[in-house]
């Protein structure tokens, strides 16, 4: 291995796995506090759902790094099938997208609580929030699974999920797929920032009226 590859597989991969495990422990701690909280609200349910998706995303990230990088390149683990590796990628990206969508949904929930303090429960009742959470949990992973299964002879349709073609993972590594995922994440982050900036403007306006 050259110096860059050695740094990636022997240093970066273990470090990122450690970070993912630390994030898992922290999110599990947040989830454990749910048992001591008696109140229920839309934003609280979305907060715990976000912690759950981040937990699973961190676990999938650590498993993917171990199975796809550390295992074969450092420990010499041989893989006869790509099915498990691809399944890890589907879940890793699916949980990641679920978390990104939930961050934006949570920001919108906070906006409603501040702008409509007396009506936010009517605008976004608990049942609607729970339905939204279920939707955001299912759809990203389901869509990614369908995408990985939509190429005859490749992906999940290939024998042992491993094609004989040199570029067997073209559908995963191509610019269109990666730019689409990046666009979704960037769009949700921009939307979240816009919501919170709008929220800060509202709070500043209210504080100005009070002090004035």
N, C-alpha and C. Protein backbone atom coordinates (compact mmCIF):
# COMPACT_ATOMS: atom_id res chain seq x y z
N UNK A 1 0.83 -1.19 0.00
CA UNK A 1 0.00 0.00 0.00
C UNK A 1 0.87 1.25 0.00
N UNK A 2 0.43 2.28 -0.75
CA UNK A 2 1.15 3.54 -0.72
C UNK A 2 0.79 4.30 0.56
N UNK A 3 1.42 5.45 0.75
CA UNK A 3 1.24 6.19 2.00
C UNK A 3 -0.20 6.65 2.19
N UNK A 4 -0.84 7.09 1.11
CA UNK A 4 -2.22 7.57 1.22
C UNK A 4 -3.16 6.43 1.57
N UNK A 5 -3.01 5.30 0.88
CA UNK A 5 -3.86 4.14 1.17
C UNK A 5 -3.64 3.64 2.59
N UNK A 6 -2.39 3.62 3.03
CA UNK A 6 -2.09 3.19 4.40
C UNK A 6 -2.77 4.10 5.41
N UNK A 7 -2.71 5.41 5.16
CA UNK A 7 -3.35 6.36 6.07
C UNK A 7 -4.86 6.19 6.10
N UNK A 8 -5.45 5.91 4.93
CA UNK A 8 -6.90 5.74 4.84
C UNK A 8 -7.37 4.49 5.58
N UNK A 9 -6.69 3.37 5.32
CA UNK A 9 -7.17 2.09 5.85
C UNK A 9 -6.69 1.79 7.27
N UNK A 10 -5.48 2.23 7.61
CA UNK A 10 -4.92 1.91 8.91
C UNK A 10 -5.14 2.99 9.97
N UNK A 11 -5.42 4.22 9.53
CA UNK A 11 -5.59 5.32 10.47
C UNK A 11 -7.01 5.89 10.40
N UNK A 12 -7.41 6.33 9.21
CA UNK A 12 -8.71 7.00 9.08
C UNK A 12 -9.87 6.06 9.38
N UNK A 13 -9.83 4.86 8.81
CA UNK A 13 -10.95 3.92 9.00
C UNK A 13 -11.16 3.57 10.48
N UNK A 14 -10.12 3.16 11.23
CA UNK A 14 -10.34 2.89 12.67
C UNK A 14 -10.82 4.12 13.44
N UNK A 15 -10.28 5.29 13.10
CA UNK A 15 -10.69 6.51 13.79
C UNK A 15 -12.16 6.82 13.55
N UNK A 16 -12.62 6.67 12.29
CA UNK A 16 -14.01 6.93 11.96
C UNK A 16 -14.94 5.90 12.60
N UNK A 17 -14.47 4.66 12.69
CA UNK A 17 -15.26 3.63 13.38
C UNK A 17 -15.42 3.99 14.85
N UNK A 18 -14.33 4.47 15.46
CA UNK A 18 -14.39 4.88 16.86
C UNK A 18 -15.36 6.04 17.06
N UNK A 19 -15.32 7.03 16.15
CA UNK A 19 -16.25 8.16 16.24
C UNK A 19 -17.69 7.69 16.10
N UNK A 20 -17.93 6.75 15.19
CA UNK A 20 -19.28 6.23 14.99
C UNK A 20 -19.78 5.51 16.24
N UNK A 21 -18.89 4.78 16.90
CA UNK A 21 -19.27 4.08 18.13
C UNK A 21 -19.55 5.07 19.26
N UNK A 22 -18.75 6.14 19.34
CA UNK A 22 -18.99 7.16 20.35
C UNK A 22 -20.35 7.84 20.10
N UNK A 23 -20.64 8.15 18.83
CA UNK A 23 -21.93 8.75 18.48
C UNK A 23 -23.07 7.81 18.84
N UNK A 24 -22.86 6.51 18.66
CA UNK A 24 -23.89 5.53 19.01
C UNK A 24 -24.18 5.57 20.50
N UNK A 25 -23.13 5.58 21.31
CA UNK A 25 -23.30 5.62 22.77
C UNK A 25 -24.03 6.88 23.20
N UNK A 26 -23.67 8.03 22.63
CA UNK A 26 -24.30 9.30 22.99
C UNK A 26 -25.77 9.32 22.61
N UNK A 27 -26.09 8.81 21.43
CA UNK A 27 -27.49 8.78 20.99
C UNK A 27 -28.32 7.79 21.81
N UNK A 28 -27.71 6.67 22.17
CA UNK A 28 -28.42 5.71 23.03
C UNK A 28 -28.72 6.33 24.38
N UNK A 29 -27.79 7.16 24.89
CA UNK A 29 -28.02 7.87 26.15
C UNK A 29 -29.22 8.80 26.04
N UNK A 30 -29.31 9.51 24.91
CA UNK A 30 -30.47 10.38 24.68
C UNK A 30 -31.75 9.56 24.63
N UNK A 31 -31.72 8.44 23.94
CA UNK A 31 -32.90 7.58 23.83
C UNK A 31 -33.32 7.03 25.19
N UNK A 32 -32.33 6.72 26.05
CA UNK A 32 -32.64 6.17 27.37
C UNK A 32 -33.40 7.16 28.23
N UNK A 33 -33.19 8.45 27.98
CA UNK A 33 -33.90 9.46 28.77
C UNK A 33 -35.39 9.49 28.46
N UNK A 34 -35.77 8.86 27.34
CA UNK A 34 -37.20 8.85 26.98
C UNK A 34 -38.05 8.17 28.04
N UNK A 35 -37.48 7.21 28.74
CA UNK A 35 -38.24 6.46 29.74
C UNK A 35 -38.55 7.32 30.97
N UNK A 36 -37.81 8.39 31.17
CA UNK A 36 -38.04 9.25 32.34
C UNK A 36 -38.84 10.50 31.99
N UNK A 37 -39.18 10.66 30.71
CA UNK A 37 -39.95 11.82 30.27
C UNK A 37 -41.40 11.41 30.10
N UNK A 38 -42.28 12.05 30.84
CA UNK A 38 -43.70 11.67 30.82
C UNK A 38 -44.50 12.41 29.76
N UNK A 39 -44.06 13.62 29.41
CA UNK A 39 -44.80 14.42 28.44
C UNK A 39 -44.58 13.91 27.03
N UNK A 40 -45.53 14.20 26.15
CA UNK A 40 -45.41 13.81 24.75
C UNK A 40 -45.82 14.99 23.89
N UNK A 41 -45.02 15.26 22.89
CA UNK A 41 -45.33 16.33 21.94
C UNK A 41 -44.74 15.97 20.59
N UNK A 42 -45.16 16.70 19.56
CA UNK A 42 -44.68 16.42 18.20
C UNK A 42 -43.17 16.59 18.10
N UNK A 43 -42.66 17.71 18.62
CA UNK A 43 -41.21 17.96 18.51
C UNK A 43 -40.41 16.98 19.36
N UNK A 44 -40.96 16.59 20.52
CA UNK A 44 -40.24 15.64 21.37
C UNK A 44 -40.16 14.28 20.70
N UNK A 45 -41.25 13.85 20.09
CA UNK A 45 -41.24 12.56 19.39
C UNK A 45 -40.26 12.59 18.23
N UNK A 46 -40.22 13.71 17.50
CA UNK A 46 -39.28 13.82 16.38
C UNK A 46 -37.84 13.87 16.86
N UNK A 47 -37.63 14.47 18.04
CA UNK A 47 -36.27 14.52 18.60
C UNK A 47 -35.76 13.13 18.92
N UNK A 48 -36.60 12.33 19.57
CA UNK A 48 -36.19 10.97 19.90
C UNK A 48 -36.08 10.09 18.65
N UNK A 49 -36.93 10.34 17.68
CA UNK A 49 -36.82 9.61 16.42
C UNK A 49 -35.52 9.95 15.71
N UNK A 50 -35.12 11.22 15.78
CA UNK A 50 -33.84 11.64 15.19
C UNK A 50 -32.68 10.96 15.89
N UNK A 51 -32.75 10.86 17.22
CA UNK A 51 -31.70 10.17 17.97
C UNK A 51 -31.64 8.69 17.58
N UNK A 52 -32.80 8.08 17.35
CA UNK A 52 -32.84 6.67 16.95
C UNK A 52 -32.23 6.47 15.56
N UNK A 53 -32.59 7.35 14.62
CA UNK A 53 -32.03 7.22 13.27
C UNK A 53 -30.53 7.48 13.26
N UNK A 54 -30.08 8.43 14.08
CA UNK A 54 -28.63 8.70 14.18
C UNK A 54 -27.90 7.50 14.80
N UNK A 55 -28.57 6.83 15.75
CA UNK A 55 -27.97 5.63 16.36
C UNK A 55 -27.76 4.55 15.32
N UNK A 56 -28.81 4.26 14.56
CA UNK A 56 -28.71 3.21 13.55
C UNK A 56 -27.77 3.61 12.42
N UNK A 57 -27.77 4.90 12.08
CA UNK A 57 -26.85 5.38 11.04
C UNK A 57 -25.40 5.22 11.48
N UNK A 58 -25.12 5.50 12.74
CA UNK A 58 -23.75 5.36 13.27
C UNK A 58 -23.33 3.89 13.30
N UNK A 59 -24.26 3.02 13.71
CA UNK A 59 -23.95 1.58 13.72
C UNK A 59 -23.68 1.08 12.31
N UNK A 60 -24.53 1.49 11.36
CA UNK A 60 -24.35 1.07 9.97
C UNK A 60 -23.06 1.64 9.39
N UNK A 61 -22.71 2.86 9.79
CA UNK A 61 -21.46 3.48 9.33
C UNK A 61 -20.25 2.69 9.84
N UNK A 62 -20.26 2.35 11.12
CA UNK A 62 -19.15 1.59 11.69
C UNK A 62 -19.05 0.21 11.04
N UNK A 63 -20.19 -0.45 10.86
CA UNK A 63 -20.19 -1.78 10.24
C UNK A 63 -19.71 -1.72 8.80
N UNK A 64 -20.15 -0.69 8.07
CA UNK A 64 -19.74 -0.54 6.67
C UNK A 64 -18.24 -0.29 6.55
N UNK A 65 -17.71 0.58 7.41
CA UNK A 65 -16.27 0.84 7.38
C UNK A 65 -15.46 -0.40 7.71
N UNK A 66 -15.96 -1.19 8.68
CA UNK A 66 -15.25 -2.41 9.05
C UNK A 66 -15.31 -3.43 7.92
N UNK A 67 -16.52 -3.65 7.39
CA UNK A 67 -16.71 -4.72 6.41
C UNK A 67 -16.12 -4.38 5.04
N UNK A 68 -16.19 -3.10 4.65
CA UNK A 68 -15.76 -2.71 3.31
C UNK A 68 -14.34 -2.16 3.25
N UNK A 69 -13.79 -1.72 4.38
CA UNK A 69 -12.45 -1.12 4.36
C UNK A 69 -11.48 -1.83 5.29
N UNK A 70 -11.75 -1.77 6.59
CA UNK A 70 -10.82 -2.32 7.57
C UNK A 70 -10.67 -3.84 7.42
N UNK A 71 -11.79 -4.53 7.25
CA UNK A 71 -11.76 -5.99 7.15
C UNK A 71 -10.92 -6.51 6.00
N UNK A 72 -11.28 -6.15 4.75
CA UNK A 72 -10.53 -6.71 3.60
C UNK A 72 -9.13 -6.14 3.44
N UNK A 73 -8.92 -4.86 3.76
CA UNK A 73 -7.64 -4.23 3.47
C UNK A 73 -6.63 -4.36 4.60
N UNK A 74 -7.09 -4.43 5.85
CA UNK A 74 -6.18 -4.48 6.99
C UNK A 74 -6.15 -5.87 7.62
N UNK A 75 -7.32 -6.47 7.82
CA UNK A 75 -7.39 -7.77 8.49
C UNK A 75 -7.37 -8.95 7.51
N UNK A 76 -7.45 -8.65 6.23
CA UNK A 76 -7.37 -9.71 5.23
C UNK A 76 -8.61 -10.59 5.15
N UNK A 77 -9.77 -10.06 5.56
CA UNK A 77 -11.02 -10.82 5.49
C UNK A 77 -11.49 -10.89 4.04
N UNK A 78 -11.71 -12.09 3.55
CA UNK A 78 -12.15 -12.26 2.17
C UNK A 78 -13.67 -12.33 2.10
N UNK A 79 -14.23 -11.68 1.09
CA UNK A 79 -15.68 -11.67 0.91
C UNK A 79 -16.03 -12.39 -0.39
N UNK A 80 -16.87 -13.38 -0.29
CA UNK A 80 -17.31 -14.10 -1.48
C UNK A 80 -18.57 -13.49 -2.08
N UNK A 81 -19.24 -12.66 -1.32
CA UNK A 81 -20.48 -12.04 -1.78
C UNK A 81 -20.48 -10.57 -1.41
N UNK A 82 -21.13 -9.77 -2.27
CA UNK A 82 -21.26 -8.34 -2.03
C UNK A 82 -22.62 -7.99 -1.43
N UNK A 83 -23.47 -8.99 -1.19
CA UNK A 83 -24.83 -8.73 -0.73
C UNK A 83 -24.86 -8.00 0.60
N UNK A 84 -24.08 -8.50 1.56
CA UNK A 84 -24.07 -7.87 2.89
C UNK A 84 -23.48 -6.47 2.82
N UNK A 85 -22.43 -6.30 2.03
CA UNK A 85 -21.79 -4.98 1.89
C UNK A 85 -22.76 -3.97 1.30
N UNK A 86 -23.51 -4.40 0.26
CA UNK A 86 -24.46 -3.48 -0.35
C UNK A 86 -25.64 -3.20 0.57
N UNK A 87 -26.07 -4.21 1.32
CA UNK A 87 -27.16 -3.99 2.27
C UNK A 87 -26.74 -2.97 3.33
N UNK A 88 -25.50 -3.06 3.78
CA UNK A 88 -24.99 -2.07 4.74
C UNK A 88 -25.02 -0.66 4.16
N UNK A 89 -24.65 -0.53 2.89
CA UNK A 89 -24.67 0.78 2.25
C UNK A 89 -26.09 1.32 2.12
N UNK A 90 -27.03 0.44 1.79
CA UNK A 90 -28.44 0.85 1.67
C UNK A 90 -28.94 1.38 3.01
N UNK A 91 -28.70 0.62 4.08
CA UNK A 91 -29.16 1.04 5.40
C UNK A 91 -28.41 2.27 5.89
N UNK A 92 -27.11 2.33 5.62
CA UNK A 92 -26.32 3.49 6.06
C UNK A 92 -26.85 4.77 5.42
N UNK A 93 -27.03 4.76 4.11
CA UNK A 93 -27.53 5.95 3.43
C UNK A 93 -29.00 6.21 3.75
N UNK A 94 -29.78 5.13 3.89
CA UNK A 94 -31.18 5.30 4.22
C UNK A 94 -31.38 5.96 5.57
N UNK A 95 -30.67 5.48 6.59
CA UNK A 95 -30.77 6.08 7.92
C UNK A 95 -30.21 7.50 7.93
N UNK A 96 -29.17 7.73 7.14
CA UNK A 96 -28.60 9.07 7.05
C UNK A 96 -29.62 10.05 6.47
N UNK A 97 -30.29 9.65 5.38
CA UNK A 97 -31.30 10.51 4.78
C UNK A 97 -32.50 10.70 5.71
N UNK A 98 -32.87 9.64 6.42
CA UNK A 98 -33.94 9.76 7.41
C UNK A 98 -33.60 10.82 8.44
N UNK A 99 -32.36 10.80 8.92
CA UNK A 99 -31.92 11.79 9.90
C UNK A 99 -31.94 13.20 9.34
N UNK A 100 -31.50 13.36 8.09
CA UNK A 100 -31.47 14.69 7.46
C UNK A 100 -32.89 15.24 7.31
N UNK A 101 -33.80 14.41 6.83
CA UNK A 101 -35.19 14.84 6.68
C UNK A 101 -35.81 15.20 8.04
N UNK A 102 -35.47 14.42 9.06
CA UNK A 102 -36.04 14.66 10.38
C UNK A 102 -35.49 15.95 11.01
N UNK A 103 -34.26 16.31 10.69
CA UNK A 103 -33.71 17.58 11.18
C UNK A 103 -34.55 18.74 10.64
N UNK A 104 -34.88 18.68 9.35
CA UNK A 104 -35.70 19.73 8.75
C UNK A 104 -37.11 19.73 9.34
N UNK A 105 -37.69 18.54 9.53
CA UNK A 105 -39.02 18.44 10.12
C UNK A 105 -39.02 18.98 11.55
N UNK A 106 -37.96 18.69 12.30
CA UNK A 106 -37.85 19.18 13.66
C UNK A 106 -37.72 20.71 13.69
N UNK A 107 -36.97 21.26 12.75
CA UNK A 107 -36.85 22.72 12.65
C UNK A 107 -38.22 23.35 12.39
N UNK A 108 -39.00 22.73 11.51
CA UNK A 108 -40.35 23.23 11.23
C UNK A 108 -41.23 23.15 12.48
N UNK A 109 -41.07 22.07 13.25
CA UNK A 109 -41.82 21.93 14.49
C UNK A 109 -41.47 23.04 15.48
N UNK A 110 -40.18 23.36 15.60
CA UNK A 110 -39.76 24.45 16.48
C UNK A 110 -40.32 25.79 16.00
N UNK A 111 -40.35 25.96 14.70
CA UNK A 111 -40.90 27.20 14.13
C UNK A 111 -42.37 27.35 14.50
N UNK A 112 -43.13 26.28 14.38
CA UNK A 112 -44.55 26.33 14.73
C UNK A 112 -44.75 26.65 16.21
N UNK A 113 -43.90 26.07 17.07
CA UNK A 113 -44.04 26.31 18.51
C UNK A 113 -43.82 27.77 18.88
N UNK A 114 -42.90 28.43 18.19
CA UNK A 114 -42.59 29.83 18.50
C UNK A 114 -43.59 30.78 17.84
N UNK A 115 -43.88 30.54 16.57
CA UNK A 115 -44.74 31.45 15.82
C UNK A 115 -46.21 31.26 16.18
N UNK A 116 -46.59 30.01 16.45
CA UNK A 116 -47.98 29.71 16.82
C UNK A 116 -48.00 28.96 18.16
N UNK A 117 -47.67 29.65 19.25
CA UNK A 117 -47.52 28.97 20.55
C UNK A 117 -48.81 28.32 21.05
N UNK A 118 -49.96 28.86 20.64
CA UNK A 118 -51.23 28.32 21.13
C UNK A 118 -51.91 27.38 20.13
N UNK A 119 -51.46 27.41 18.88
CA UNK A 119 -52.12 26.62 17.84
C UNK A 119 -51.24 25.53 17.24
N UNK A 120 -49.98 25.43 17.69
CA UNK A 120 -49.07 24.49 17.02
C UNK A 120 -49.52 23.05 17.17
N UNK A 121 -50.18 22.71 18.28
CA UNK A 121 -50.67 21.34 18.45
C UNK A 121 -51.82 21.03 17.50
N UNK A 122 -52.57 22.06 17.14
CA UNK A 122 -53.66 21.86 16.17
C UNK A 122 -53.11 21.77 14.75
N UNK A 123 -52.10 22.60 14.45
CA UNK A 123 -51.51 22.60 13.12
C UNK A 123 -50.73 21.31 12.86
N UNK A 124 -49.95 20.90 13.86
CA UNK A 124 -49.18 19.66 13.73
C UNK A 124 -49.46 18.77 14.94
N UNK A 125 -50.58 18.06 14.94
CA UNK A 125 -50.91 17.20 16.08
C UNK A 125 -49.95 16.03 16.19
N UNK A 126 -49.95 15.41 17.36
CA UNK A 126 -49.02 14.32 17.64
C UNK A 126 -49.17 13.17 16.64
N UNK A 127 -50.42 12.86 16.29
CA UNK A 127 -50.65 11.77 15.34
C UNK A 127 -50.04 12.04 13.98
N UNK A 128 -50.13 13.28 13.50
CA UNK A 128 -49.53 13.65 12.22
C UNK A 128 -48.00 13.54 12.29
N UNK A 129 -47.45 14.00 13.40
CA UNK A 129 -45.99 13.94 13.57
C UNK A 129 -45.50 12.50 13.58
N UNK A 130 -46.25 11.61 14.24
CA UNK A 130 -45.87 10.20 14.28
C UNK A 130 -45.97 9.56 12.90
N UNK A 131 -47.01 9.93 12.14
CA UNK A 131 -47.15 9.42 10.78
C UNK A 131 -46.01 9.91 9.89
N UNK A 132 -45.62 11.18 10.08
CA UNK A 132 -44.50 11.73 9.31
C UNK A 132 -43.20 11.01 9.64
N UNK A 133 -42.99 10.72 10.93
CA UNK A 133 -41.79 10.00 11.35
C UNK A 133 -41.74 8.61 10.71
N UNK A 134 -42.85 7.90 10.71
CA UNK A 134 -42.90 6.56 10.10
C UNK A 134 -42.59 6.66 8.60
N UNK A 135 -43.17 7.67 7.94
CA UNK A 135 -42.93 7.88 6.51
C UNK A 135 -41.44 8.12 6.24
N UNK A 136 -40.83 8.99 7.04
CA UNK A 136 -39.42 9.32 6.85
C UNK A 136 -38.50 8.15 7.19
N UNK A 137 -38.95 7.25 8.03
CA UNK A 137 -38.16 6.06 8.34
C UNK A 137 -38.21 5.04 7.19
N UNK A 138 -39.34 4.91 6.55
CA UNK A 138 -39.53 3.84 5.57
C UNK A 138 -39.05 4.23 4.18
N UNK A 139 -39.45 5.42 3.72
CA UNK A 139 -39.28 5.77 2.31
C UNK A 139 -37.82 5.81 1.85
N UNK A 140 -36.89 6.52 2.55
CA UNK A 140 -35.51 6.57 2.02
C UNK A 140 -34.86 5.20 1.82
N UNK A 141 -34.97 4.32 2.82
CA UNK A 141 -34.37 2.99 2.71
C UNK A 141 -35.07 2.17 1.64
N UNK A 142 -36.40 2.31 1.53
CA UNK A 142 -37.16 1.57 0.52
C UNK A 142 -36.76 2.01 -0.88
N UNK A 143 -36.62 3.32 -1.10
CA UNK A 143 -36.23 3.83 -2.41
C UNK A 143 -34.82 3.38 -2.77
N UNK A 144 -33.90 3.44 -1.82
CA UNK A 144 -32.53 3.01 -2.09
C UNK A 144 -32.46 1.51 -2.38
N UNK A 145 -33.25 0.71 -1.67
CA UNK A 145 -33.30 -0.73 -1.94
C UNK A 145 -33.80 -0.99 -3.35
N UNK A 146 -34.85 -0.29 -3.76
CA UNK A 146 -35.39 -0.44 -5.12
C UNK A 146 -34.34 -0.03 -6.17
N UNK A 147 -33.59 1.03 -5.86
CA UNK A 147 -32.56 1.48 -6.79
C UNK A 147 -31.46 0.43 -6.94
N UNK A 148 -31.00 -0.13 -5.84
CA UNK A 148 -29.96 -1.15 -5.89
C UNK A 148 -30.46 -2.44 -6.56
N UNK A 149 -31.77 -2.59 -6.66
CA UNK A 149 -32.36 -3.80 -7.23
C UNK A 149 -32.85 -3.58 -8.66
N UNK A 150 -32.62 -2.42 -9.23
CA UNK A 150 -33.26 -2.07 -10.50
C UNK A 150 -32.37 -2.28 -11.72
N UNK A 151 -31.20 -2.90 -11.56
CA UNK A 151 -30.29 -3.08 -12.68
C UNK A 151 -30.08 -4.58 -12.94
N UNK A 152 -30.66 -5.13 -14.02
CA UNK A 152 -30.52 -6.56 -14.31
C UNK A 152 -29.05 -6.97 -14.43
N UNK A 153 -28.67 -7.98 -13.68
CA UNK A 153 -27.30 -8.47 -13.72
C UNK A 153 -26.35 -7.73 -12.81
N UNK A 154 -26.83 -6.70 -12.14
CA UNK A 154 -26.00 -5.91 -11.25
C UNK A 154 -26.68 -5.76 -9.90
N UNK A 155 -25.94 -5.24 -8.91
CA UNK A 155 -26.53 -4.99 -7.61
C UNK A 155 -27.11 -6.24 -6.99
N UNK A 156 -28.30 -6.11 -6.43
CA UNK A 156 -28.94 -7.24 -5.77
C UNK A 156 -29.43 -8.29 -6.75
N UNK A 157 -29.47 -7.96 -8.05
CA UNK A 157 -29.91 -8.94 -9.05
C UNK A 157 -28.76 -9.82 -9.55
N UNK A 158 -27.53 -9.45 -9.25
CA UNK A 158 -26.38 -10.25 -9.69
C UNK A 158 -26.21 -11.47 -8.79
N UNK A 159 -25.57 -12.50 -9.33
CA UNK A 159 -25.29 -13.70 -8.55
C UNK A 159 -24.36 -13.34 -7.40
N UNK A 160 -24.81 -13.60 -6.17
CA UNK A 160 -24.08 -13.20 -4.96
C UNK A 160 -23.82 -11.70 -4.93
N UNK A 161 -24.70 -10.96 -5.63
CA UNK A 161 -24.61 -9.49 -5.69
C UNK A 161 -23.27 -9.02 -6.26
N UNK A 162 -22.65 -9.88 -7.06
CA UNK A 162 -21.33 -9.54 -7.61
C UNK A 162 -21.31 -9.84 -9.09
N UNK A 163 -21.20 -8.78 -9.90
CA UNK A 163 -21.18 -8.92 -11.34
C UNK A 163 -19.77 -9.25 -11.81
N UNK A 164 -19.68 -9.86 -12.99
CA UNK A 164 -18.38 -10.17 -13.58
C UNK A 164 -17.80 -8.97 -14.32
N UNK A 165 -18.61 -7.92 -14.49
CA UNK A 165 -18.13 -6.73 -15.19
C UNK A 165 -17.14 -5.96 -14.32
N UNK A 166 -16.15 -5.29 -14.94
CA UNK A 166 -15.17 -4.53 -14.15
C UNK A 166 -15.82 -3.42 -13.31
N UNK A 167 -16.78 -2.73 -13.91
CA UNK A 167 -17.42 -1.63 -13.20
C UNK A 167 -18.77 -2.10 -12.67
N UNK A 168 -18.75 -3.06 -11.75
CA UNK A 168 -19.98 -3.69 -11.29
C UNK A 168 -20.83 -2.77 -10.42
N UNK A 169 -20.23 -1.76 -9.80
CA UNK A 169 -20.97 -0.85 -8.92
C UNK A 169 -21.15 0.51 -9.57
N UNK A 170 -21.29 0.54 -10.91
CA UNK A 170 -21.42 1.81 -11.61
C UNK A 170 -22.64 2.60 -11.14
N UNK A 171 -23.70 1.89 -10.79
CA UNK A 171 -24.94 2.56 -10.38
C UNK A 171 -24.78 3.25 -9.03
N UNK A 172 -23.79 2.83 -8.26
CA UNK A 172 -23.56 3.41 -6.93
C UNK A 172 -22.51 4.51 -6.98
N UNK A 173 -21.52 4.35 -7.84
CA UNK A 173 -20.40 5.28 -7.86
C UNK A 173 -20.53 6.37 -8.93
N UNK A 174 -21.60 6.30 -9.75
CA UNK A 174 -21.69 7.29 -10.83
C UNK A 174 -22.05 8.68 -10.30
N UNK A 175 -21.78 9.69 -11.09
CA UNK A 175 -21.96 11.08 -10.69
C UNK A 175 -23.43 11.40 -10.45
N UNK A 176 -24.33 10.83 -11.26
CA UNK A 176 -25.75 11.12 -11.13
C UNK A 176 -26.27 10.71 -9.75
N UNK A 177 -25.95 9.50 -9.31
CA UNK A 177 -26.43 9.02 -8.02
C UNK A 177 -25.86 9.84 -6.88
N UNK A 178 -24.56 10.05 -6.90
CA UNK A 178 -23.92 10.77 -5.81
C UNK A 178 -24.34 12.24 -5.77
N UNK A 179 -24.51 12.85 -6.94
CA UNK A 179 -24.95 14.24 -6.96
C UNK A 179 -26.40 14.36 -6.50
N UNK A 180 -27.22 13.34 -6.78
CA UNK A 180 -28.62 13.36 -6.33
C UNK A 180 -28.68 13.29 -4.81
N UNK A 181 -27.91 12.38 -4.21
CA UNK A 181 -27.87 12.27 -2.75
C UNK A 181 -27.34 13.57 -2.14
N UNK A 182 -26.29 14.12 -2.73
CA UNK A 182 -25.71 15.37 -2.21
C UNK A 182 -26.70 16.52 -2.33
N UNK A 183 -27.46 16.55 -3.43
CA UNK A 183 -28.45 17.61 -3.63
C UNK A 183 -29.55 17.53 -2.58
N UNK A 184 -30.01 16.33 -2.30
CA UNK A 184 -31.06 16.15 -1.28
C UNK A 184 -30.56 16.63 0.08
N UNK A 185 -29.36 16.21 0.46
CA UNK A 185 -28.82 16.60 1.76
C UNK A 185 -28.62 18.11 1.84
N UNK A 186 -28.04 18.69 0.77
CA UNK A 186 -27.80 20.13 0.75
C UNK A 186 -29.11 20.91 0.81
N UNK A 187 -30.13 20.43 0.08
CA UNK A 187 -31.42 21.11 0.06
C UNK A 187 -32.05 21.11 1.45
N UNK A 188 -31.98 19.98 2.14
CA UNK A 188 -32.56 19.89 3.48
C UNK A 188 -31.79 20.77 4.47
N UNK A 189 -30.48 20.84 4.32
CA UNK A 189 -29.69 21.69 5.21
C UNK A 189 -29.99 23.17 4.96
N UNK A 190 -30.14 23.55 3.70
CA UNK A 190 -30.49 24.93 3.37
C UNK A 190 -31.88 25.26 3.91
N UNK A 191 -32.83 24.34 3.71
CA UNK A 191 -34.18 24.55 4.22
C UNK A 191 -34.18 24.71 5.74
N UNK A 192 -33.39 23.89 6.43
CA UNK A 192 -33.29 23.99 7.89
C UNK A 192 -32.72 25.34 8.31
N UNK A 193 -31.68 25.78 7.64
CA UNK A 193 -31.08 27.09 7.95
C UNK A 193 -32.07 28.22 7.71
N UNK A 194 -32.82 28.15 6.62
CA UNK A 194 -33.82 29.18 6.31
C UNK A 194 -34.88 29.23 7.39
N UNK A 195 -35.34 28.06 7.84
CA UNK A 195 -36.37 28.00 8.89
C UNK A 195 -35.86 28.64 10.18
N UNK A 196 -34.65 28.28 10.59
CA UNK A 196 -34.12 28.83 11.84
C UNK A 196 -33.77 30.32 11.71
N UNK A 197 -33.34 30.76 10.54
CA UNK A 197 -33.11 32.19 10.34
C UNK A 197 -34.42 32.96 10.42
N UNK A 198 -35.45 32.40 9.83
CA UNK A 198 -36.78 33.01 9.93
C UNK A 198 -37.25 33.04 11.39
N UNK A 199 -36.97 31.97 12.10
CA UNK A 199 -37.35 31.89 13.51
C UNK A 199 -36.61 32.94 14.34
N UNK A 200 -35.33 33.11 14.08
CA UNK A 200 -34.55 34.13 14.78
C UNK A 200 -35.08 35.54 14.49
N UNK A 201 -35.50 35.75 13.26
CA UNK A 201 -36.06 37.05 12.88
C UNK A 201 -37.35 37.32 13.65
N UNK A 202 -38.19 36.29 13.77
CA UNK A 202 -39.44 36.44 14.52
C UNK A 202 -39.16 36.72 15.99
N UNK A 203 -38.23 35.96 16.58
CA UNK A 203 -37.88 36.17 17.99
C UNK A 203 -37.30 37.56 18.20
N UNK A 204 -36.44 38.00 17.31
CA UNK A 204 -35.84 39.33 17.43
C UNK A 204 -36.91 40.41 17.33
N UNK A 205 -37.87 40.20 16.45
CA UNK A 205 -38.95 41.17 16.29
C UNK A 205 -39.80 41.26 17.55
N UNK A 206 -40.11 40.10 18.14
CA UNK A 206 -40.91 40.07 19.36
C UNK A 206 -40.16 40.73 20.51
N UNK A 207 -38.87 40.40 20.64
CA UNK A 207 -38.06 41.01 21.71
C UNK A 207 -37.96 42.52 21.55
N UNK A 208 -37.89 42.97 20.29
CA UNK A 208 -37.82 44.41 20.03
C UNK A 208 -39.10 45.10 20.45
N UNK A 209 -40.24 44.46 20.18
CA UNK A 209 -41.52 45.05 20.60
C UNK A 209 -41.66 45.11 22.11
N UNK A 210 -41.17 44.06 22.78
CA UNK A 210 -41.26 44.02 24.24
C UNK A 210 -40.39 45.09 24.88
N UNK A 211 -39.15 45.20 24.43
CA UNK A 211 -38.23 46.18 25.01
C UNK A 211 -38.59 47.59 24.60
N UNK A 212 -39.24 47.72 23.42
CA UNK A 212 -39.61 49.05 22.96
C UNK A 212 -40.79 49.61 23.73
